[in-house]
Amino acid sequence: MSTTFDDAVEILSGGGVGVLPTDTLYGLVGYALDPDVVARIYDLKERDPDKPLIVLISDVEQVEEFGVVVSLQMEEVFSRYWPGPVSIILETVDEQFSYLDRGTGRIAFRLPADEQLRDLIRNTGPLVAPSANPQGSPPATNTEEARTYFGTSIDFYVDVGEKKGGPSKVIEFTDGEVNVVRD
């Protein structure tokens, strides 16, 4: 059985983990500010513990919640790429987020173009959102494939049919420079 976006808000707000469509692919999502939820997602994906996760935000100001000091240059980069399927790696100055940055001192953020998804994030807070698949397996293009991967070990699935987009473009903003990490 599939869940609605409204039901997903309630489940995510209670510390749940689920699969829902992002602006690129189906993502395995959970509340980014809860280290236990993030650890659960790493376990479910069998993800390399040194590999950071992408964080979905509902507005540019949310990056500041993660210890990112936003400069005028950063704001220009944000306005060039967001909202849209581009993840931007930013330096964080707050060590309390080491469970997210995995010791790198940097977190990748994405401001989705999809308004329904941004509304969900406004209601839940920022979400970690790696692709819905175990590490090394192809990303799920629909909830049936995601159910094959995760079954009842997660709390919900939001089904919108096929999602055949590719992974997000990833850029890095460091020392005033923009570098493409993944195109």
Protein backbone atom coordinates (compact mmCIF):
# COMPACT_ATOMS: atom_id res chain seq x y z
CA MET A 1 0.00 0.00 0.00
CA SER A 2 1.25 3.47 -0.85
CA THR A 3 1.32 6.50 1.39
CA THR A 4 0.37 10.09 0.51
CA PHE A 5 2.71 13.05 0.90
CA ASP A 6 0.58 14.21 3.87
CA ASP A 7 0.94 10.83 5.61
CA ALA A 8 4.67 10.86 4.85
CA VAL A 9 5.02 14.18 6.72
CA GLU A 10 3.56 12.62 9.85
CA ILE A 11 5.72 9.49 9.60
CA LEU A 12 8.92 11.44 8.90
CA SER A 13 8.17 13.86 11.74
CA GLY A 14 7.94 10.85 14.06
CA GLY A 15 11.42 9.60 13.09
CA GLY A 16 10.29 7.30 10.28
CA VAL A 17 12.14 6.40 7.10
CA GLY A 18 10.57 5.86 3.70
CA VAL A 19 10.79 6.05 -0.06
CA LEU A 20 9.41 8.98 -2.02
CA PRO A 21 10.04 10.69 -5.34
CA THR A 22 12.62 13.46 -5.43
CA ASP A 23 13.30 15.76 -8.37
CA THR A 24 15.71 13.18 -9.80
CA LEU A 25 14.97 9.64 -8.55
CA TYR A 26 13.13 7.86 -5.78
CA GLY A 27 14.96 8.56 -2.55
CA LEU A 28 15.28 6.75 0.75
CA VAL A 29 14.46 9.65 3.07
CA GLY A 30 14.59 10.54 6.74
CA TYR A 31 15.00 13.56 9.01
CA ALA A 32 18.52 14.91 8.56
CA LEU A 33 18.80 16.39 12.06
CA ASP A 34 18.33 13.01 13.79
CA PRO A 35 21.57 10.98 13.94
CA ASP A 36 19.61 7.77 14.67
CA VAL A 37 17.50 8.20 11.53
CA VAL A 38 20.64 8.85 9.47
CA ALA A 39 22.29 5.73 10.95
CA ARG A 40 19.20 3.68 10.04
CA ILE A 41 19.43 4.86 6.43
CA TYR A 42 23.12 3.89 6.28
CA ASP A 43 22.18 0.43 7.56
CA LEU A 44 19.26 0.02 5.14
CA LYS A 45 21.37 1.03 2.15
CA GLU A 46 24.40 -0.95 3.36
CA ARG A 47 26.21 2.28 2.55
CA ASP A 48 29.92 2.91 2.92
CA PRO A 49 30.11 4.68 6.31
CA ASP A 50 32.65 7.18 4.94
CA LYS A 51 30.34 8.34 2.13
CA PRO A 52 28.22 11.40 3.09
CA LEU A 53 24.53 11.73 2.20
CA ILE A 54 22.79 14.52 0.28
CA VAL A 55 20.43 16.73 2.31
CA LEU A 56 17.24 18.09 0.73
CA ILE A 57 16.18 21.54 1.93
CA SER A 58 13.00 23.58 1.42
CA ASP A 59 14.71 26.97 1.16
CA VAL A 60 18.21 28.43 0.99
CA GLU A 61 18.14 29.57 4.63
CA GLN A 62 18.08 25.95 5.83
CA VAL A 63 21.78 25.49 4.97
CA GLU A 64 22.55 27.82 7.89
CA GLU A 65 21.00 25.25 10.29
CA PHE A 66 23.99 23.06 9.42
CA GLY A 67 26.69 25.55 10.33
CA VAL A 68 27.16 26.88 6.80
CA VAL A 69 28.16 30.54 6.70
CA VAL A 70 26.45 31.92 3.60
CA SER A 71 28.43 34.51 1.63
CA LEU A 72 27.27 36.75 -1.22
CA GLN A 73 29.21 34.52 -3.65
CA MET A 74 27.32 31.49 -2.33
CA GLU A 75 24.00 33.27 -2.78
CA GLU A 76 24.91 33.89 -6.43
CA VAL A 77 25.72 30.19 -6.89
CA PHE A 78 22.44 29.21 -5.20
CA SER A 79 20.43 31.49 -7.50
CA ARG A 80 22.18 30.02 -10.57
CA TYR A 81 21.48 26.35 -9.72
CA TRP A 82 18.47 26.26 -7.37
CA PRO A 83 15.79 25.17 -7.28
CA GLY A 84 16.69 22.18 -9.42
CA PRO A 85 18.47 18.83 -9.67
CA VAL A 86 21.88 20.15 -8.60
CA SER A 87 23.50 19.26 -5.29
CA ILE A 88 25.96 21.80 -3.93
CA ILE A 89 28.69 20.70 -1.51
CA LEU A 90 29.30 23.37 1.13
CA GLU A 91 31.71 23.64 4.03
CA THR A 92 30.19 23.44 7.50
CA VAL A 93 31.81 24.88 10.60
CA ASP A 94 29.77 22.89 13.10
CA GLU A 95 31.27 19.58 14.25
CA GLN A 96 27.92 18.36 15.60
CA PHE A 97 27.10 17.38 12.01
CA SER A 98 29.97 14.91 11.68
CA TYR A 99 27.34 12.13 11.50
CA LEU A 100 26.29 13.75 8.19
CA ASP A 101 29.57 15.02 6.77
CA ARG A 102 31.39 11.81 7.79
CA GLY A 103 34.46 13.76 8.85
CA THR A 104 34.80 15.76 5.64
CA GLY A 105 33.57 19.07 7.08
CA ARG A 106 31.32 19.38 4.00
CA ILE A 107 27.68 18.55 3.28
CA ALA A 108 25.91 18.33 -0.09
CA PHE A 109 22.57 20.18 -0.21
CA ARG A 110 19.85 20.25 -2.85
CA LEU A 111 16.85 22.56 -3.14
CA PRO A 112 14.36 20.54 -5.23
CA ALA A 113 12.38 22.19 -8.02
CA ASP A 114 9.29 20.12 -7.17
CA GLU A 115 6.98 22.34 -5.11
CA GLN A 116 5.16 19.40 -3.49
CA LEU A 117 8.47 18.01 -2.25
CA ARG A 118 9.55 21.42 -0.94
CA ASP A 119 6.22 21.72 0.91
CA LEU A 120 6.84 18.32 2.50
CA ILE A 121 10.32 19.45 3.61
CA ARG A 122 8.89 22.70 5.03
CA ASN A 123 6.72 20.51 7.26
CA THR A 124 9.32 17.90 8.22
CA GLY A 125 12.57 19.83 8.19
CA PRO A 126 15.58 18.90 6.05
CA LEU A 127 15.79 15.31 4.81
CA VAL A 128 18.68 13.06 3.90
CA ALA A 129 17.78 11.54 0.56
CA PRO A 130 20.16 9.06 -1.05
CA SER A 131 18.75 7.05 -3.94
CA ALA A 132 16.38 4.23 -3.02
CA ASN A 133 18.66 1.23 -3.44
CA PRO A 134 21.29 -0.69 -1.52
CA GLN A 135 24.78 0.55 -2.37
CA GLY A 136 25.95 -1.09 -5.59
CA SER A 137 22.43 -1.86 -6.87
CA PRO A 138 20.60 0.17 -9.54
CA PRO A 139 18.41 2.98 -8.15
CA ALA A 140 14.72 2.10 -7.90
CA THR A 141 12.71 3.66 -10.73
CA ASN A 142 9.37 2.83 -9.08
CA THR A 143 8.06 1.77 -5.68
CA GLU A 144 7.78 -1.87 -6.75
CA GLU A 145 11.56 -1.99 -7.23
CA ALA A 146 12.07 -0.11 -3.95
CA ARG A 147 9.86 -2.65 -2.14
CA THR A 148 12.05 -5.42 -3.55
CA TYR A 149 15.04 -3.73 -1.93
CA PHE A 150 13.54 -2.67 1.40
CA GLY A 151 10.26 -4.58 1.89
CA THR A 152 8.75 -3.87 5.30
CA SER A 153 12.02 -2.66 6.83
CA ILE A 154 10.98 0.95 6.08
CA ASP A 155 7.89 2.85 7.18
CA PHE A 156 6.25 4.07 3.94
CA TYR A 157 6.35 4.33 0.16
CA VAL A 158 4.97 7.29 -1.85
CA ASP A 159 4.19 6.11 -5.38
CA VAL A 160 4.02 8.48 -8.37
CA GLY A 161 4.84 5.93 -11.05
CA GLU A 162 8.11 5.66 -12.96
CA LYS A 163 10.99 8.02 -12.13
CA LYS A 164 13.73 7.55 -14.69
CA GLY A 165 15.83 10.62 -13.98
CA GLY A 166 19.50 10.26 -13.29
CA PRO A 167 21.36 11.22 -10.14
CA SER A 168 21.71 14.92 -9.43
CA LYS A 169 24.57 16.95 -10.79
CA VAL A 170 26.99 17.63 -7.93
CA ILE A 171 29.08 20.76 -7.68
CA GLU A 172 31.40 21.90 -4.92
CA PHE A 173 31.71 25.48 -3.68
CA THR A 174 35.05 25.97 -1.94
CA ASP A 175 37.08 29.15 -1.46
CA GLY A 176 34.82 31.06 -3.85
CA GLU A 177 35.26 28.52 -6.65
CA VAL A 178 32.68 26.22 -8.23
CA ASN A 179 33.93 22.79 -9.32
CA VAL A 180 31.84 20.05 -10.94
CA VAL A 181 32.13 16.80 -8.98
CA ARG A 182 29.52 14.77 -10.91
CA ASP A 183 27.86 15.91 -14.13
